[in-house]
Amino acid sequence: MDLQQLLSSLTPEIYQNLKRAVELGKWPDGNRLSAEQRQLCMQAVIAYEHKHLPPDQHTGYIPPEPHTFCGDDEHDHDHAQTDKPIKWVE
C-alpha cells in the first residue's frame, strides 16, 4: 500500500484518533508518540483535512480580517475609483 492509498483509507474515526494523539502526545493506550510518529500523524491529519474538510476547519486556520485602508476615515466607499494623495508622516 502506498502513501496515497493509506491516506485515502483514513476514516473520520481514524482521523479523530490521530488528531487526538497529536494533541496529547500519546496513543489512546497511553504510550507516548515518538517525534517521528507525531510528525507523521500530523501530516496524515493535514492531508485528511485538505481532502475532506472546508478550509475554515483545517488545523491552524486563521480567519481573514476585513481589509482596512491606511489613513482613510471612510471605509464604505470604493477605493478603486478615487485617487488620494500620499500622506507623509515625519
C-alpha atoms as a PDB file:
ATOM      1  CA  MET A   1       0.000   0.000   0.000  1.00  0.00           C
ATOM      2  CA  ASP A   2       1.454   3.367  -0.990  1.00  0.00           C
ATOM      3  CA  LEU A   3       1.025   6.625   0.926  1.00  0.00           C
ATOM      4  CA  GLN A   4      -1.881   7.875  -1.206  1.00  0.00           C
ATOM      5  CA  GLN A   5      -3.811   4.638  -0.690  1.00  0.00           C
ATOM      6  CA  LEU A   6      -3.148   4.830   3.036  1.00  0.00           C
ATOM      7  CA  LEU A   7      -4.351   8.426   3.229  1.00  0.00           C
ATOM      8  CA  SER A   8      -7.420   7.567   1.143  1.00  0.00           C
ATOM      9  CA  SER A   9      -8.332   4.816   3.583  1.00  0.00           C
ATOM     10  CA  LEU A  10      -8.498   7.160   6.592  1.00  0.00           C
ATOM     11  CA  THR A  11     -11.946   7.220   8.153  1.00  0.00           C
ATOM     12  CA  PRO A  12     -13.365  10.057  10.258  1.00  0.00           C
ATOM     13  CA  GLU A  13     -12.772   7.907  13.363  1.00  0.00           C
ATOM     14  CA  ILE A  14      -9.116   7.282  12.471  1.00  0.00           C
ATOM     15  CA  TYR A  15      -8.709  10.991  11.711  1.00  0.00           C
ATOM     16  CA  GLN A  16     -10.096  11.914  15.147  1.00  0.00           C
ATOM     17  CA  ASN A  17      -7.813   9.362  16.855  1.00  0.00           C
ATOM     18  CA  LEU A  18      -4.734  10.679  15.031  1.00  0.00           C
ATOM     19  CA  LYS A  19      -5.662  14.273  15.804  1.00  0.00           C
ATOM     20  CA  ARG A  20      -6.168  13.432  19.477  1.00  0.00           C
ATOM     21  CA  ALA A  21      -2.845  11.562  19.587  1.00  0.00           C
ATOM     22  CA  VAL A  22      -1.050  14.627  18.171  1.00  0.00           C
ATOM     23  CA  GLU A  23      -2.802  16.920  20.660  1.00  0.00           C
ATOM     24  CA  LEU A  24      -1.975  14.778  23.693  1.00  0.00           C
ATOM     25  CA  GLY A  25       1.335  13.373  22.515  1.00  0.00           C
ATOM     26  CA  LYS A  26       0.232   9.828  23.277  1.00  0.00           C
ATOM     27  CA  TRP A  27      -1.785   6.979  21.818  1.00  0.00           C
ATOM     28  CA  PRO A  28      -5.203   6.018  23.229  1.00  0.00           C
ATOM     29  CA  ASP A  29      -3.488   3.201  25.187  1.00  0.00           C
ATOM     30  CA  GLY A  30      -1.269   5.767  26.960  1.00  0.00           C
ATOM     31  CA  ASN A  31       2.006   5.094  25.130  1.00  0.00           C
ATOM     32  CA  ARG A  32       3.873   8.257  24.139  1.00  0.00           C
ATOM     33  CA  LEU A  33       4.281   9.180  20.481  1.00  0.00           C
ATOM     34  CA  SER A  34       7.834   9.460  19.269  1.00  0.00           C
ATOM     35  CA  ALA A  35       8.771  12.675  17.472  1.00  0.00           C
ATOM     36  CA  GLU A  36       8.612  10.815  14.158  1.00  0.00           C
ATOM     37  CA  GLN A  37       5.181   9.335  14.948  1.00  0.00           C
ATOM     38  CA  ARG A  38       3.840  12.732  15.933  1.00  0.00           C
ATOM     39  CA  GLN A  39       5.141  14.264  12.705  1.00  0.00           C
ATOM     40  CA  LEU A  40       3.624  11.502  10.553  1.00  0.00           C
ATOM     41  CA  CYS A  41       0.303  11.693  12.378  1.00  0.00           C
ATOM     42  CA  MET A  42       0.194  15.448  11.869  1.00  0.00           C
ATOM     43  CA  GLN A  43       0.889  15.025   8.164  1.00  0.00           C
ATOM     44  CA  ALA A  44      -1.943  12.496   7.922  1.00  0.00           C
ATOM     45  CA  VAL A  45      -4.306  14.834   9.796  1.00  0.00           C
ATOM     46  CA  ILE A  46      -3.463  17.728   7.469  1.00  0.00           C
ATOM     47  CA  ALA A  47      -3.861  15.540   4.365  1.00  0.00           C
ATOM     48  CA  TYR A  48      -7.243  14.271   5.595  1.00  0.00           C
ATOM     49  CA  GLU A  49      -8.450  17.800   6.346  1.00  0.00           C
ATOM     50  CA  HIS A  50      -7.306  19.050   2.946  1.00  0.00           C
ATOM     51  CA  LYS A  51      -9.275  16.307   1.201  1.00  0.00           C
ATOM     52  CA  HIS A  52     -12.427  16.134   3.358  1.00  0.00           C
ATOM     53  CA  LEU A  53     -12.975  19.406   5.239  1.00  0.00           C
ATOM     54  CA  PRO A  54     -13.620  23.008   4.195  1.00  0.00           C
ATOM     55  CA  PRO A  55     -10.633  25.350   4.650  1.00  0.00           C
ATOM     56  CA  ASP A  56     -12.095  27.051   7.722  1.00  0.00           C
ATOM     57  CA  GLN A  57     -11.988  23.698   9.563  1.00  0.00           C
ATOM     58  CA  HIS A  58      -8.326  22.945   8.783  1.00  0.00           C
ATOM     59  CA  THR A  59      -5.784  22.746  11.580  1.00  0.00           C
ATOM     60  CA  GLY A  60      -4.122  26.125  12.011  1.00  0.00           C
ATOM     61  CA  TYR A  61      -6.769  28.050  10.075  1.00  0.00           C
ATOM     62  CA  ILE A  62      -6.770  31.761  10.818  1.00  0.00           C
ATOM     63  CA  PRO A  63      -9.832  33.611   9.563  1.00  0.00           C
ATOM     64  CA  PRO A  64      -9.077  36.597   7.367  1.00  0.00           C
ATOM     65  CA  GLU A  65      -9.650  40.023   8.834  1.00  0.00           C
ATOM     66  CA  PRO A  66     -11.569  42.629   6.877  1.00  0.00           C
ATOM     67  CA  HIS A  67      -9.265  44.876   4.927  1.00  0.00           C
ATOM     68  CA  THR A  68      -8.757  48.378   6.253  1.00  0.00           C
ATOM     69  CA  PHE A  69      -7.179  51.172   4.301  1.00  0.00           C
ATOM     70  CA  CYS A  70      -4.372  53.162   5.877  1.00  0.00           C
ATOM     71  CA  GLY A  71      -5.168  56.794   6.533  1.00  0.00           C
ATOM     72  CA  ASP A  72      -8.793  56.508   5.419  1.00  0.00           C
ATOM     73  CA  ASP A  73     -11.595  57.604   7.713  1.00  0.00           C
ATOM     74  CA  GLU A  74     -14.336  56.313   5.421  1.00  0.00           C
ATOM     75  CA  HIS A  75     -14.288  52.543   4.891  1.00  0.00           C
ATOM     76  CA  ASP A  76     -17.523  52.158   2.950  1.00  0.00           C
ATOM     77  CA  HIS A  77     -16.694  53.705  -0.434  1.00  0.00           C
ATOM     78  CA  ASP A  78     -14.949  52.220  -3.443  1.00  0.00           C
ATOM     79  CA  HIS A  79     -11.211  52.971  -3.262  1.00  0.00           C
ATOM     80  CA  ALA A  80     -10.539  51.974  -6.856  1.00  0.00           C
ATOM     81  CA  GLN A  81     -12.461  54.994  -8.138  1.00  0.00           C
ATOM     82  CA  THR A  82     -10.745  57.686  -6.083  1.00  0.00           C
ATOM     83  CA  ASP A  83      -7.146  58.793  -6.100  1.00  0.00           C
ATOM     84  CA  LYS A  84      -5.785  60.113  -2.841  1.00  0.00           C
ATOM     85  CA  PRO A  85      -2.510  61.832  -2.208  1.00  0.00           C
ATOM     86  CA  ILE A  86       0.082  60.039  -0.142  1.00  0.00           C
ATOM     87  CA  LYS A  87       0.200  61.232   3.451  1.00  0.00           C
ATOM     88  CA  TRP A  88       3.814  61.550   4.553  1.00  0.00           C
ATOM     89  CA  VAL A  89       4.446  61.280   8.273  1.00  0.00           C
ATOM     90  CA  GLU A  90       7.598  62.755   9.722  1.00  0.00           C
END
